[in-house]
């Protein structure tokens, strides 16, 4: 075996690092997940406005279900059609980023509902839920990608 020059070793390590970051950038949740979450968000808004007690129970069930599904999808233990990514590559902070994103979306829903209610809108909670659901459905993957980059996850 021949000796490897330090420059060659550095170039090889840099190439591995770039490839690992490229794969890690591909980590996310499938598009269908985001639309399912948007639909659930809308249902929660309707339940919270029509039957608040049932909305509370449904919100707890939604939180539990989301935690289970998102953790399994983001953990890298499930093989996709293209690649299986380990948690080390995916980043251990990604689940925290998703939880933080959910907390901000809940806050946005509450703020929108309060603003709509102050403006005199009927069913402000439903309209706020639909507004945030649209953001989730159309922008969820992009928002997660940006947040992962900011958090270096």
N, C-alpha and C. Protein backbone atom coordinates (compact mmCIF):
# COMPACT_ATOMS: atom_id res chain seq x y z
N UNK A 1 0.85 -1.17 0.00
CA UNK A 1 0.00 0.00 0.00
C UNK A 1 0.89 1.23 0.00
N UNK A 2 0.56 2.18 -0.82
CA UNK A 2 1.39 3.39 -0.91
C UNK A 2 0.97 4.39 0.14
N UNK A 3 1.88 5.28 0.44
CA UNK A 3 1.58 6.34 1.42
C UNK A 3 0.62 7.34 0.80
N UNK A 4 -0.29 7.82 1.62
CA UNK A 4 -1.26 8.81 1.17
C UNK A 4 -0.78 10.18 1.63
N UNK A 5 -0.74 11.09 0.70
CA UNK A 5 -0.32 12.45 1.03
C UNK A 5 -1.41 13.12 1.87
N UNK A 6 -1.01 14.00 2.77
CA UNK A 6 -2.01 14.69 3.61
C UNK A 6 -3.08 15.42 2.79
N UNK A 7 -2.69 15.96 1.65
CA UNK A 7 -3.65 16.67 0.80
C UNK A 7 -4.71 15.70 0.25
N UNK A 8 -4.27 14.52 -0.12
CA UNK A 8 -5.19 13.51 -0.64
C UNK A 8 -6.14 13.04 0.46
N UNK A 9 -5.61 12.84 1.63
CA UNK A 9 -6.44 12.41 2.76
C UNK A 9 -7.48 13.48 3.08
N UNK A 10 -7.06 14.74 3.12
CA UNK A 10 -7.98 15.84 3.40
C UNK A 10 -9.06 15.92 2.32
N UNK A 11 -8.68 15.78 1.06
CA UNK A 11 -9.65 15.84 -0.04
C UNK A 11 -10.65 14.70 0.07
N UNK A 12 -10.17 13.51 0.43
CA UNK A 12 -11.08 12.36 0.58
C UNK A 12 -12.04 12.58 1.75
N UNK A 13 -11.54 13.08 2.87
CA UNK A 13 -12.41 13.35 4.02
C UNK A 13 -13.42 14.45 3.71
N UNK A 14 -13.00 15.46 2.96
CA UNK A 14 -13.92 16.53 2.57
C UNK A 14 -15.02 15.99 1.66
N UNK A 15 -14.67 15.09 0.76
CA UNK A 15 -15.66 14.48 -0.13
C UNK A 15 -16.67 13.66 0.65
N UNK A 16 -16.19 12.90 1.64
CA UNK A 16 -17.10 12.12 2.49
C UNK A 16 -18.02 13.04 3.27
N UNK A 17 -17.47 14.12 3.81
CA UNK A 17 -18.28 15.07 4.58
C UNK A 17 -19.35 15.71 3.71
N UNK A 18 -19.00 16.10 2.48
CA UNK A 18 -19.97 16.69 1.55
C UNK A 18 -21.08 15.69 1.22
N UNK A 19 -20.71 14.45 0.98
CA UNK A 19 -21.70 13.42 0.66
C UNK A 19 -22.63 13.18 1.84
N UNK A 20 -22.08 13.15 3.03
CA UNK A 20 -22.90 12.94 4.23
C UNK A 20 -23.88 14.11 4.42
N UNK A 21 -23.41 15.34 4.22
CA UNK A 21 -24.30 16.50 4.34
C UNK A 21 -25.38 16.48 3.27
N UNK A 22 -25.03 16.03 2.08
CA UNK A 22 -26.03 15.95 1.00
C UNK A 22 -27.13 14.97 1.36
N UNK A 23 -26.76 13.82 1.89
CA UNK A 23 -27.75 12.82 2.30
C UNK A 23 -28.58 13.36 3.46
N UNK A 24 -27.94 14.00 4.42
CA UNK A 24 -28.65 14.54 5.58
C UNK A 24 -29.63 15.62 5.16
N UNK A 25 -29.30 16.38 4.11
CA UNK A 25 -30.22 17.41 3.62
C UNK A 25 -31.48 16.81 3.02
N UNK A 26 -31.42 15.56 2.59
CA UNK A 26 -32.57 14.90 2.00
C UNK A 26 -33.54 14.36 3.05
N UNK A 27 -33.12 14.37 4.33
CA UNK A 27 -33.97 13.84 5.39
C UNK A 27 -35.17 14.74 5.56
N UNK A 28 -36.32 14.15 5.68
CA UNK A 28 -37.54 14.91 5.87
C UNK A 28 -38.70 13.95 6.02
N UNK A 29 -39.86 14.50 5.86
CA UNK A 29 -41.07 13.70 5.96
C UNK A 29 -41.76 13.71 4.61
N UNK A 30 -42.40 12.61 4.24
CA UNK A 30 -43.03 12.54 2.92
C UNK A 30 -44.14 13.58 2.76
N UNK A 31 -44.37 13.99 1.53
CA UNK A 31 -45.39 15.01 1.23
C UNK A 31 -46.75 14.62 1.79
N UNK A 32 -47.11 13.35 1.69
CA UNK A 32 -48.40 12.88 2.20
C UNK A 32 -48.54 13.10 3.70
N UNK A 33 -47.43 13.01 4.42
CA UNK A 33 -47.44 13.26 5.86
C UNK A 33 -47.92 14.68 6.14
N UNK A 34 -47.40 15.64 5.38
CA UNK A 34 -47.74 17.05 5.61
C UNK A 34 -49.21 17.31 5.32
N UNK A 35 -49.74 16.69 4.26
CA UNK A 35 -51.15 16.90 3.94
C UNK A 35 -52.05 16.20 4.96
N UNK A 36 -51.62 15.04 5.47
CA UNK A 36 -52.39 14.37 6.53
C UNK A 36 -52.39 15.24 7.79
N UNK A 37 -51.25 15.84 8.09
CA UNK A 37 -51.18 16.71 9.25
C UNK A 37 -52.05 17.95 9.04
N UNK A 38 -52.09 18.50 7.85
CA UNK A 38 -52.94 19.66 7.56
C UNK A 38 -54.41 19.29 7.72
N UNK A 39 -54.79 18.12 7.24
CA UNK A 39 -56.18 17.67 7.39
C UNK A 39 -56.54 17.50 8.87
N UNK A 40 -55.63 16.89 9.62
CA UNK A 40 -55.87 16.71 11.06
C UNK A 40 -55.96 18.06 11.76
N UNK A 41 -55.15 19.01 11.35
CA UNK A 41 -55.16 20.35 11.94
C UNK A 41 -56.53 21.00 11.73
N UNK A 42 -57.06 20.84 10.53
CA UNK A 42 -58.39 21.40 10.22
C UNK A 42 -59.46 20.72 11.06
N UNK A 43 -59.40 19.41 11.16
CA UNK A 43 -60.38 18.67 11.98
C UNK A 43 -60.29 19.12 13.44
N UNK A 44 -59.08 19.31 13.94
CA UNK A 44 -58.92 19.79 15.31
C UNK A 44 -59.53 21.18 15.49
N UNK A 45 -59.38 22.03 14.49
CA UNK A 45 -59.98 23.37 14.55
C UNK A 45 -61.50 23.30 14.60
N UNK A 46 -62.07 22.42 13.80
CA UNK A 46 -63.53 22.26 13.79
C UNK A 46 -64.00 21.68 15.12
N UNK A 47 -63.34 20.63 15.57
CA UNK A 47 -63.75 20.01 16.85
C UNK A 47 -63.60 20.99 18.01
N UNK A 48 -62.53 21.76 18.01
CA UNK A 48 -62.31 22.73 19.07
C UNK A 48 -63.37 23.82 19.09
N UNK A 49 -63.91 24.15 17.93
CA UNK A 49 -64.94 25.19 17.86
C UNK A 49 -66.33 24.64 18.14
N UNK A 50 -66.60 23.43 17.69
CA UNK A 50 -67.94 22.87 17.84
C UNK A 50 -68.09 22.13 19.17
N UNK A 51 -67.16 21.25 19.48
CA UNK A 51 -67.18 20.48 20.73
C UNK A 51 -65.83 20.61 21.41
N UNK A 52 -65.65 21.66 22.21
CA UNK A 52 -64.32 21.91 22.81
C UNK A 52 -63.78 20.73 23.62
N UNK A 53 -64.62 20.02 24.34
CA UNK A 53 -64.14 18.89 25.14
C UNK A 53 -63.60 17.78 24.24
N UNK A 54 -64.29 17.53 23.13
CA UNK A 54 -63.82 16.52 22.18
C UNK A 54 -62.57 17.01 21.46
N UNK A 55 -62.50 18.31 21.21
CA UNK A 55 -61.31 18.90 20.58
C UNK A 55 -60.07 18.71 21.44
N UNK A 56 -60.24 18.84 22.76
CA UNK A 56 -59.11 18.63 23.67
C UNK A 56 -58.63 17.20 23.66
N UNK A 57 -59.57 16.27 23.66
CA UNK A 57 -59.20 14.85 23.61
C UNK A 57 -58.53 14.53 22.27
N UNK A 58 -59.10 15.07 21.19
CA UNK A 58 -58.53 14.83 19.86
C UNK A 58 -57.14 15.45 19.74
N UNK A 59 -56.93 16.61 20.36
CA UNK A 59 -55.61 17.25 20.31
C UNK A 59 -54.57 16.40 21.02
N UNK A 60 -54.95 15.82 22.14
CA UNK A 60 -54.02 14.93 22.86
C UNK A 60 -53.71 13.69 22.01
N UNK A 61 -54.72 13.12 21.38
CA UNK A 61 -54.52 11.95 20.51
C UNK A 61 -53.65 12.33 19.30
N UNK A 62 -53.90 13.50 18.74
CA UNK A 62 -53.12 13.98 17.61
C UNK A 62 -51.65 14.14 18.00
N UNK A 63 -51.40 14.75 19.16
CA UNK A 63 -50.02 14.93 19.63
C UNK A 63 -49.31 13.61 19.82
N UNK A 64 -50.00 12.65 20.41
CA UNK A 64 -49.41 11.33 20.62
C UNK A 64 -49.13 10.63 19.29
N UNK A 65 -50.12 10.65 18.41
CA UNK A 65 -49.95 10.02 17.10
C UNK A 65 -48.84 10.67 16.29
N UNK A 66 -48.80 11.99 16.33
CA UNK A 66 -47.76 12.70 15.60
C UNK A 66 -46.38 12.35 16.14
N UNK A 67 -46.25 12.29 17.45
CA UNK A 67 -44.95 11.95 18.05
C UNK A 67 -44.49 10.57 17.61
N UNK A 68 -45.40 9.63 17.56
CA UNK A 68 -45.05 8.27 17.18
C UNK A 68 -44.67 8.20 15.70
N UNK A 69 -45.51 8.76 14.84
CA UNK A 69 -45.28 8.67 13.40
C UNK A 69 -44.03 9.45 12.99
N UNK A 70 -43.93 10.69 13.45
CA UNK A 70 -42.79 11.51 13.05
C UNK A 70 -41.47 10.92 13.54
N UNK A 71 -41.47 10.40 14.76
CA UNK A 71 -40.25 9.80 15.29
C UNK A 71 -39.82 8.61 14.46
N UNK A 72 -40.76 7.78 14.06
CA UNK A 72 -40.42 6.62 13.25
C UNK A 72 -39.93 7.03 11.86
N UNK A 73 -40.57 8.05 11.28
CA UNK A 73 -40.16 8.48 9.95
C UNK A 73 -38.83 9.22 9.96
N UNK A 74 -38.57 9.97 11.03
CA UNK A 74 -37.34 10.76 11.09
C UNK A 74 -36.16 10.00 11.68
N UNK A 75 -36.42 8.86 12.31
CA UNK A 75 -35.36 8.14 12.97
C UNK A 75 -34.38 7.48 12.03
N UNK A 76 -34.73 7.35 10.77
CA UNK A 76 -33.84 6.74 9.80
C UNK A 76 -33.80 5.23 9.87
N UNK A 77 -34.68 4.66 10.65
CA UNK A 77 -34.66 3.20 10.79
C UNK A 77 -35.55 2.52 9.74
N UNK A 78 -36.37 3.31 9.09
CA UNK A 78 -37.26 2.78 8.06
C UNK A 78 -36.63 3.05 6.70
N UNK A 79 -36.49 2.01 5.91
CA UNK A 79 -35.91 2.17 4.57
C UNK A 79 -36.96 2.78 3.66
N UNK A 80 -36.54 3.81 2.91
CA UNK A 80 -37.41 4.39 1.90
C UNK A 80 -37.06 3.75 0.58
N UNK A 81 -37.71 4.18 -0.48
CA UNK A 81 -37.42 3.64 -1.79
C UNK A 81 -36.02 3.98 -2.27
N UNK A 82 -35.43 5.06 -1.71
CA UNK A 82 -34.14 5.51 -2.19
C UNK A 82 -32.99 5.22 -1.24
N UNK A 83 -33.22 5.43 0.05
CA UNK A 83 -32.08 5.35 0.96
C UNK A 83 -32.57 5.11 2.39
N UNK A 84 -31.72 4.50 3.18
CA UNK A 84 -31.98 4.38 4.61
C UNK A 84 -30.88 5.15 5.32
N UNK A 85 -31.29 6.12 6.13
CA UNK A 85 -30.35 7.02 6.77
C UNK A 85 -30.31 6.72 8.25
N UNK A 86 -29.11 6.66 8.81
CA UNK A 86 -29.00 6.43 10.25
C UNK A 86 -29.30 7.72 11.00
N UNK A 87 -29.62 7.59 12.28
CA UNK A 87 -29.89 8.76 13.10
C UNK A 87 -28.67 9.66 13.18
N UNK A 88 -27.48 9.07 13.14
CA UNK A 88 -26.26 9.88 13.19
C UNK A 88 -26.16 10.80 11.98
N UNK A 89 -26.58 10.32 10.82
CA UNK A 89 -26.54 11.15 9.61
C UNK A 89 -27.72 12.11 9.59
N UNK A 90 -28.90 11.62 9.97
CA UNK A 90 -30.10 12.45 9.94
C UNK A 90 -30.00 13.61 10.92
N UNK A 91 -29.29 13.43 11.99
CA UNK A 91 -29.17 14.47 12.99
C UNK A 91 -30.11 14.20 14.15
N UNK A 92 -29.57 14.23 15.33
CA UNK A 92 -30.36 13.95 16.52
C UNK A 92 -31.28 15.11 16.88
N UNK A 93 -31.02 16.28 16.35
CA UNK A 93 -31.85 17.45 16.66
C UNK A 93 -33.10 17.54 15.81
N UNK A 94 -33.20 16.76 14.75
CA UNK A 94 -34.34 16.87 13.85
C UNK A 94 -35.68 16.68 14.56
N UNK A 95 -35.85 15.67 15.43
CA UNK A 95 -37.13 15.57 16.14
C UNK A 95 -37.42 16.80 17.00
N UNK A 96 -36.40 17.40 17.59
CA UNK A 96 -36.61 18.62 18.37
C UNK A 96 -37.05 19.77 17.47
N UNK A 97 -36.50 19.83 16.27
CA UNK A 97 -36.90 20.86 15.32
C UNK A 97 -38.38 20.68 14.95
N UNK A 98 -38.80 19.44 14.73
CA UNK A 98 -40.20 19.17 14.39
C UNK A 98 -41.11 19.57 15.55
N UNK A 99 -40.72 19.24 16.77
CA UNK A 99 -41.53 19.61 17.94
C UNK A 99 -41.59 21.13 18.07
N UNK A 100 -40.47 21.79 17.89
CA UNK A 100 -40.46 23.25 17.94
C UNK A 100 -41.34 23.86 16.86
N UNK A 101 -41.31 23.27 15.69
CA UNK A 101 -42.16 23.73 14.59
C UNK A 101 -43.63 23.59 14.96
N UNK A 102 -43.99 22.47 15.57
CA UNK A 102 -45.38 22.27 16.00
C UNK A 102 -45.81 23.30 17.04
N UNK A 103 -44.93 23.58 17.98
CA UNK A 103 -45.25 24.57 19.02
C UNK A 103 -45.50 25.95 18.38
N UNK A 104 -44.66 26.32 17.42
CA UNK A 104 -44.84 27.60 16.74
C UNK A 104 -46.13 27.60 15.93
N UNK A 105 -46.46 26.48 15.28
CA UNK A 105 -47.71 26.40 14.51
C UNK A 105 -48.93 26.50 15.42
N UNK A 106 -48.87 25.90 16.60
CA UNK A 106 -49.97 26.04 17.56
C UNK A 106 -50.10 27.50 17.98
N UNK A 107 -48.98 28.14 18.26
CA UNK A 107 -49.00 29.57 18.61
C UNK A 107 -49.56 30.42 17.50
N UNK A 108 -49.20 30.11 16.25
CA UNK A 108 -49.72 30.85 15.10
C UNK A 108 -51.22 30.65 14.96
N UNK A 109 -51.68 29.43 15.22
CA UNK A 109 -53.12 29.16 15.15
C UNK A 109 -53.87 29.97 16.21
N UNK A 110 -53.34 29.98 17.41
CA UNK A 110 -53.99 30.73 18.50
C UNK A 110 -53.98 32.22 18.18
N UNK A 111 -52.84 32.75 17.72
CA UNK A 111 -52.76 34.17 17.39
C UNK A 111 -53.72 34.53 16.27
N UNK A 112 -53.80 33.69 15.24
CA UNK A 112 -54.72 33.96 14.14
C UNK A 112 -56.17 33.90 14.61
N UNK A 113 -56.49 32.95 15.46
CA UNK A 113 -57.86 32.85 15.98
C UNK A 113 -58.21 34.07 16.81
N UNK A 114 -57.30 34.52 17.64
CA UNK A 114 -57.57 35.72 18.44
C UNK A 114 -57.74 36.96 17.57
N UNK A 115 -56.89 37.08 16.55
CA UNK A 115 -57.00 38.22 15.63
C UNK A 115 -58.31 38.18 14.86
N UNK A 116 -58.69 37.00 14.37
CA UNK A 116 -59.94 36.88 13.63
C UNK A 116 -61.15 37.14 14.53
N UNK A 117 -61.07 36.64 15.77
CA UNK A 117 -62.15 36.86 16.72
C UNK A 117 -62.29 38.34 17.06
N UNK A 118 -61.17 39.02 17.25
CA UNK A 118 -61.19 40.45 17.55
C UNK A 118 -61.77 41.25 16.39
N UNK A 119 -61.60 40.71 15.18
CA UNK A 119 -62.14 41.37 14.00
C UNK A 119 -63.62 41.04 13.80
N UNK A 120 -64.15 40.14 14.61
CA UNK A 120 -65.57 39.81 14.54
C UNK A 120 -65.91 38.64 13.63
N UNK A 121 -64.92 37.90 13.21
CA UNK A 121 -65.17 36.77 12.31
C UNK A 121 -65.91 35.66 13.07
N UNK A 122 -66.87 35.06 12.40
CA UNK A 122 -67.54 33.90 12.98
C UNK A 122 -66.65 32.67 12.77
N UNK A 123 -66.65 31.79 13.73
CA UNK A 123 -65.85 30.55 13.66
C UNK A 123 -64.37 30.86 13.47
N UNK A 124 -63.87 31.78 14.26
CA UNK A 124 -62.47 32.21 14.14
C UNK A 124 -61.50 31.04 14.31
N UNK A 125 -61.80 30.11 15.22
CA UNK A 125 -60.92 28.96 15.43
C UNK A 125 -60.81 28.08 14.20
N UNK A 126 -61.92 27.90 13.51
CA UNK A 126 -61.92 27.07 12.30
C UNK A 126 -61.10 27.76 11.20
N UNK A 127 -61.34 29.05 11.00
CA UNK A 127 -60.61 29.77 9.95
C UNK A 127 -59.11 29.81 10.25
N UNK A 128 -58.76 29.98 11.51
CA UNK A 128 -57.35 29.98 11.89
C UNK A 128 -56.72 28.62 11.62
N UNK A 129 -57.45 27.56 11.95
CA UNK A 129 -56.94 26.21 11.70
C UNK A 129 -56.76 25.95 10.21
N UNK A 130 -57.70 26.41 9.41
CA UNK A 130 -57.60 26.21 7.95
C UNK A 130 -56.41 27.00 7.40
N UNK A 131 -56.21 28.20 7.89
CA UNK A 131 -55.07 29.02 7.45
C UNK A 131 -53.74 28.32 7.76
N UNK A 132 -53.58 27.86 8.98
CA UNK A 132 -52.33 27.19 9.37
C UNK A 132 -52.21 25.84 8.66
N UNK A 133 -53.33 25.15 8.46
CA UNK A 133 -53.30 23.88 7.73
C UNK A 133 -52.79 24.08 6.31
N UNK A 134 -53.19 25.18 5.67
CA UNK A 134 -52.69 25.47 4.32
C UNK A 134 -51.18 25.70 4.34
N UNK A 135 -50.70 26.40 5.36
CA UNK A 135 -49.26 26.62 5.49
C UNK A 135 -48.55 25.28 5.66
N UNK A 136 -49.11 24.41 6.50
CA UNK A 136 -48.51 23.09 6.73
C UNK A 136 -48.49 22.27 5.45
N UNK A 137 -49.62 22.20 4.77
CA UNK A 137 -49.72 21.36 3.58
C UNK A 137 -48.83 21.81 2.44
N UNK A 138 -48.84 23.12 2.19
CA UNK A 138 -48.06 23.63 1.07
C UNK A 138 -46.60 23.87 1.41
N UNK A 139 -46.32 24.26 2.66
CA UNK A 139 -44.96 24.66 2.99
C UNK A 139 -44.22 23.81 4.00
N UNK A 140 -44.85 22.76 4.53
CA UNK A 140 -44.24 21.95 5.57
C UNK A 140 -42.84 21.47 5.27
N UNK A 141 -42.61 20.82 4.13
CA UNK A 141 -41.27 20.32 3.84
C UNK A 141 -40.23 21.43 3.74
N UNK A 142 -40.61 22.54 3.14
CA UNK A 142 -39.67 23.65 2.99
C UNK A 142 -39.37 24.30 4.34
N UNK A 143 -40.40 24.46 5.16
CA UNK A 143 -40.20 25.03 6.49
C UNK A 143 -39.28 24.14 7.31
N UNK A 144 -39.52 22.83 7.28
CA UNK A 144 -38.67 21.90 8.02
C UNK A 144 -37.23 21.96 7.53
N UNK A 145 -37.05 22.03 6.24
CA UNK A 145 -35.70 22.10 5.68
C UNK A 145 -34.95 23.34 6.16
N UNK A 146 -35.63 24.48 6.13
CA UNK A 146 -35.00 25.73 6.58
C UNK A 146 -34.69 25.66 8.08
N UNK A 147 -35.64 25.17 8.87
CA UNK A 147 -35.42 25.08 10.31
C UNK A 147 -34.28 24.12 10.64
N UNK A 148 -34.19 23.00 9.92
CA UNK A 148 -33.08 22.07 10.14
C UNK A 148 -31.75 22.74 9.83
N UNK A 149 -31.72 23.53 8.78
CA UNK A 149 -30.48 24.23 8.42
C UNK A 149 -30.11 25.24 9.50
N UNK A 150 -31.10 26.01 9.99
CA UNK A 150 -30.84 27.00 11.03
C UNK A 150 -30.36 26.33 12.32
N UNK A 151 -30.95 25.18 12.65
CA UNK A 151 -30.59 24.48 13.89
C UNK A 151 -29.37 23.58 13.69
N UNK A 152 -28.88 23.52 12.47
CA UNK A 152 -27.77 22.63 12.13
C UNK A 152 -28.07 21.20 12.54
N UNK A 153 -29.30 20.80 12.24
CA UNK A 153 -29.76 19.45 12.60
C UNK A 153 -29.57 18.52 11.43
